[in-house]
């Protein structure tokens, strides 16, 4: 039996998700406001989820330059804590299906491990730097805005079987609406449970 929904909405998981979420954000005003009534906020979130009446809130939009200018859509603190709670439970289910050389947003992976692995491949292909080796460096323009929500949901439905968890994941994925997006895209800046699945 799939009890992922109960694990996601458990108070223990919500408090652990809060702890992970607030790292590096303690000086942010919205985070401080949420933390003032932390227990009430997390208990209320838990209750709305348990009652099946949770609705994802709206997003605020702003631009960052990192190094290029990008538009970010940010969910409210409550919803971002929930994103972490979902990620904490669903990550192990999806991680084992990712290829070994997928490094983004994965535990015990990351940029430095990817660089080390790239160096191994470059040495192998170039025969210890004596031959030619080509590397393609690219960025998919508006990647998250191009992810088809229907396809993403089908991938998720192939791994998650609890109807309540599927309802919650669908609520999160379908929560983003904007005139700028096509009808099937995802906002950037969310905890990417399924980034490597697409």
Protein backbone atom coordinates (compact mmCIF):
# COMPACT_ATOMS: atom_id res chain seq x y z
CA UNK A 1 0.00 0.00 0.00
CA UNK A 2 1.29 3.46 -0.93
CA UNK A 3 1.18 5.70 2.13
CA UNK A 4 3.19 8.53 0.56
CA UNK A 5 0.43 11.10 1.18
CA UNK A 6 0.36 10.39 4.91
CA UNK A 7 4.16 10.68 5.01
CA UNK A 8 4.08 13.97 3.09
CA UNK A 9 1.48 15.61 5.32
CA UNK A 10 2.80 14.28 8.62
CA UNK A 11 3.69 17.02 11.08
CA UNK A 12 7.17 15.55 11.43
CA UNK A 13 7.76 15.84 7.68
CA UNK A 14 6.30 19.35 7.53
CA UNK A 15 8.58 20.54 10.34
CA UNK A 16 11.62 18.91 8.70
CA UNK A 17 10.63 20.48 5.38
CA UNK A 18 10.40 23.87 7.13
CA UNK A 19 13.88 23.41 8.59
CA UNK A 20 15.30 22.62 5.13
CA UNK A 21 13.35 25.39 3.45
CA UNK A 22 14.44 28.20 5.77
CA UNK A 23 18.17 27.50 5.36
CA UNK A 24 19.69 30.67 3.99
CA UNK A 25 16.35 32.51 4.06
CA UNK A 26 16.00 33.54 7.71
CA UNK A 27 16.45 37.23 6.90
CA UNK A 28 13.66 37.24 4.29
CA UNK A 29 10.60 39.14 5.51
CA UNK A 30 8.05 36.59 4.25
CA UNK A 31 9.96 33.78 5.98
CA UNK A 32 10.12 35.74 9.25
CA UNK A 33 6.38 36.44 9.14
CA UNK A 34 5.62 32.74 8.56
CA UNK A 35 7.99 31.74 11.36
CA UNK A 36 6.31 34.05 13.91
CA UNK A 37 3.35 31.67 13.90
CA UNK A 38 5.22 28.61 12.71
CA UNK A 39 3.29 25.96 14.61
CA UNK A 40 -0.10 27.47 13.75
CA UNK A 41 0.91 27.78 10.09
CA UNK A 42 2.18 24.21 9.80
CA UNK A 43 -0.77 22.76 11.75
CA UNK A 44 -3.17 24.68 9.47
CA UNK A 45 -1.35 23.41 6.37
CA UNK A 46 -1.48 19.87 7.74
CA UNK A 47 -5.20 20.16 8.44
CA UNK A 48 -6.05 21.53 4.98
CA UNK A 49 -4.09 18.69 3.41
CA UNK A 50 -5.68 16.06 5.65
CA UNK A 51 -9.16 17.43 4.89
CA UNK A 52 -8.44 17.47 1.14
CA UNK A 53 -9.17 21.20 0.87
CA UNK A 54 -5.65 22.51 0.27
CA UNK A 55 -5.32 24.87 -2.66
CA UNK A 56 -1.99 26.13 -3.92
CA UNK A 57 -1.68 29.91 -3.64
CA UNK A 58 -0.72 32.46 -6.27
CA UNK A 59 2.80 33.25 -7.42
CA UNK A 60 4.65 36.54 -7.26
CA UNK A 61 6.84 37.37 -10.24
CA UNK A 62 10.14 39.20 -10.35
CA UNK A 63 13.30 39.33 -12.44
CA UNK A 64 16.79 38.25 -11.46
CA UNK A 65 20.08 38.61 -13.28
CA UNK A 66 22.14 35.49 -12.71
CA UNK A 67 24.09 36.23 -15.03
CA UNK A 68 21.33 36.62 -17.60
CA UNK A 69 17.97 38.21 -16.89
CA UNK A 70 15.28 35.66 -15.98
CA UNK A 71 11.72 35.95 -14.78
CA UNK A 72 11.04 34.00 -11.60
CA UNK A 73 7.63 33.00 -10.29
CA UNK A 74 7.74 32.46 -6.54
CA UNK A 75 5.11 30.64 -4.47
CA UNK A 76 4.29 31.83 -0.95
CA UNK A 77 6.24 30.43 2.00
CA UNK A 78 3.51 27.95 2.97
CA UNK A 79 3.51 26.44 -0.51
CA UNK A 80 7.28 26.36 -0.78
CA UNK A 81 7.44 24.48 2.54
CA UNK A 82 4.97 22.00 1.08
CA UNK A 83 7.13 21.66 -2.06
CA UNK A 84 9.99 20.62 0.24
CA UNK A 85 7.72 18.19 2.11
CA UNK A 86 6.66 16.55 -1.16
CA UNK A 87 10.25 16.46 -2.38
CA UNK A 88 11.47 14.79 0.83
CA UNK A 89 9.09 11.84 0.33
CA UNK A 90 9.01 11.50 -3.46
CA UNK A 91 12.72 12.10 -4.16
CA UNK A 92 13.82 8.53 -3.26
CA UNK A 93 11.15 7.06 -5.53
CA UNK A 94 12.30 9.07 -8.54
CA UNK A 95 16.04 9.23 -7.83
CA UNK A 96 16.62 5.52 -8.35
CA UNK A 97 15.21 5.79 -11.88
CA UNK A 98 17.53 8.64 -12.98
CA UNK A 99 20.64 7.89 -15.01
CA UNK A 100 23.88 7.90 -13.03
CA UNK A 101 25.18 10.99 -14.82
CA UNK A 102 22.26 13.24 -13.92
CA UNK A 103 23.69 15.67 -11.34
CA UNK A 104 21.27 18.55 -10.86
CA UNK A 105 19.31 18.69 -7.59
CA UNK A 106 20.37 15.23 -6.48
CA UNK A 107 21.76 14.22 -3.11
CA UNK A 108 25.47 13.42 -3.14
CA UNK A 109 25.76 14.78 -6.69
CA UNK A 110 25.99 18.42 -7.79
CA UNK A 111 28.27 20.62 -9.85
CA UNK A 112 31.63 19.44 -8.48
CA UNK A 113 30.80 15.75 -8.96
CA UNK A 114 29.60 16.53 -12.49
CA UNK A 115 32.90 18.30 -13.25
CA UNK A 116 34.89 15.36 -11.88
CA UNK A 117 32.88 12.95 -14.01
CA UNK A 118 33.28 15.14 -17.09
CA UNK A 119 37.03 15.12 -16.56
CA UNK A 120 36.99 11.30 -16.54
CA UNK A 121 35.10 11.24 -19.84
CA UNK A 122 37.35 13.88 -21.43
CA UNK A 123 40.46 11.90 -20.46
CA UNK A 124 38.94 8.70 -21.82
CA UNK A 125 37.74 10.16 -25.13
CA UNK A 126 40.88 12.26 -25.71
CA UNK A 127 43.18 9.40 -24.71
CA UNK A 128 44.67 11.43 -21.86
CA UNK A 129 44.46 14.70 -23.77
CA UNK A 130 46.35 13.42 -26.84
CA UNK A 131 43.30 13.27 -29.09
CA UNK A 132 40.39 15.53 -29.90
CA UNK A 133 37.40 15.76 -27.65
CA UNK A 134 34.29 17.83 -28.18
CA UNK A 135 31.94 19.06 -25.47
CA UNK A 136 28.55 20.59 -26.06
CA UNK A 137 27.62 23.30 -23.57
CA UNK A 138 24.05 24.45 -23.97
CA UNK A 139 21.08 25.85 -22.17
CA UNK A 140 17.51 24.98 -23.10
CA UNK A 141 15.69 28.26 -23.42
CA UNK A 142 12.75 28.44 -21.01
CA UNK A 143 13.10 24.76 -20.14
CA UNK A 144 10.50 24.73 -17.36
CA UNK A 145 8.12 26.75 -19.49
CA UNK A 146 8.32 24.04 -22.15
CA UNK A 147 7.62 21.02 -19.95
CA UNK A 148 4.33 19.46 -20.97
CA UNK A 149 2.29 19.03 -17.78
CA UNK A 150 0.27 16.15 -19.24
CA UNK A 151 3.38 14.13 -20.05
CA UNK A 152 4.94 14.97 -16.69
CA UNK A 153 1.81 13.81 -14.87
CA UNK A 154 1.80 10.54 -16.84
CA UNK A 155 5.43 9.92 -15.78
CA UNK A 156 4.51 10.61 -12.17
CA UNK A 157 1.43 8.36 -12.37
CA UNK A 158 3.75 5.54 -13.47
CA UNK A 159 5.63 5.77 -10.17
CA UNK A 160 3.15 7.11 -7.62
CA UNK A 161 -0.02 5.11 -7.02
CA UNK A 162 -1.59 6.83 -4.02
CA UNK A 163 -4.57 8.86 -5.33
CA UNK A 164 -4.18 11.53 -2.62
CA UNK A 165 -0.52 12.04 -3.48
CA UNK A 166 -1.42 12.27 -7.16
CA UNK A 167 -4.09 14.85 -6.30
CA UNK A 168 -1.54 16.90 -4.37
CA UNK A 169 1.15 16.70 -7.06
CA UNK A 170 -1.43 17.67 -9.70
CA UNK A 171 -2.54 20.62 -7.53
CA UNK A 172 1.07 21.83 -7.33
CA UNK A 173 1.88 21.31 -11.01
CA UNK A 174 -1.33 22.87 -12.27
CA UNK A 175 -1.15 25.79 -9.83
CA UNK A 176 0.78 28.02 -12.18
CA UNK A 177 -1.18 30.20 -14.58
CA UNK A 178 0.10 33.11 -16.61
CA UNK A 179 -0.58 34.72 -19.96
CA UNK A 180 3.13 34.29 -20.67
CA UNK A 181 3.10 30.52 -20.50
CA UNK A 182 1.72 27.93 -22.82
CA UNK A 183 -1.07 25.87 -21.32
CA UNK A 184 1.30 23.09 -20.28
CA UNK A 185 4.36 24.66 -18.67
CA UNK A 186 5.88 24.73 -15.19
CA UNK A 187 7.24 27.75 -13.33
CA UNK A 188 10.96 27.94 -12.64
CA UNK A 189 12.15 28.11 -9.07
CA UNK A 190 10.27 25.13 -7.64
CA UNK A 191 11.81 22.16 -5.89
CA UNK A 192 12.29 19.90 -8.92
CA UNK A 193 11.01 16.53 -7.87
CA UNK A 194 10.71 15.46 -11.49
CA UNK A 195 13.27 17.58 -13.32
CA UNK A 196 15.37 14.59 -14.39
CA UNK A 197 12.29 12.58 -15.31
CA UNK A 198 11.58 14.69 -18.40
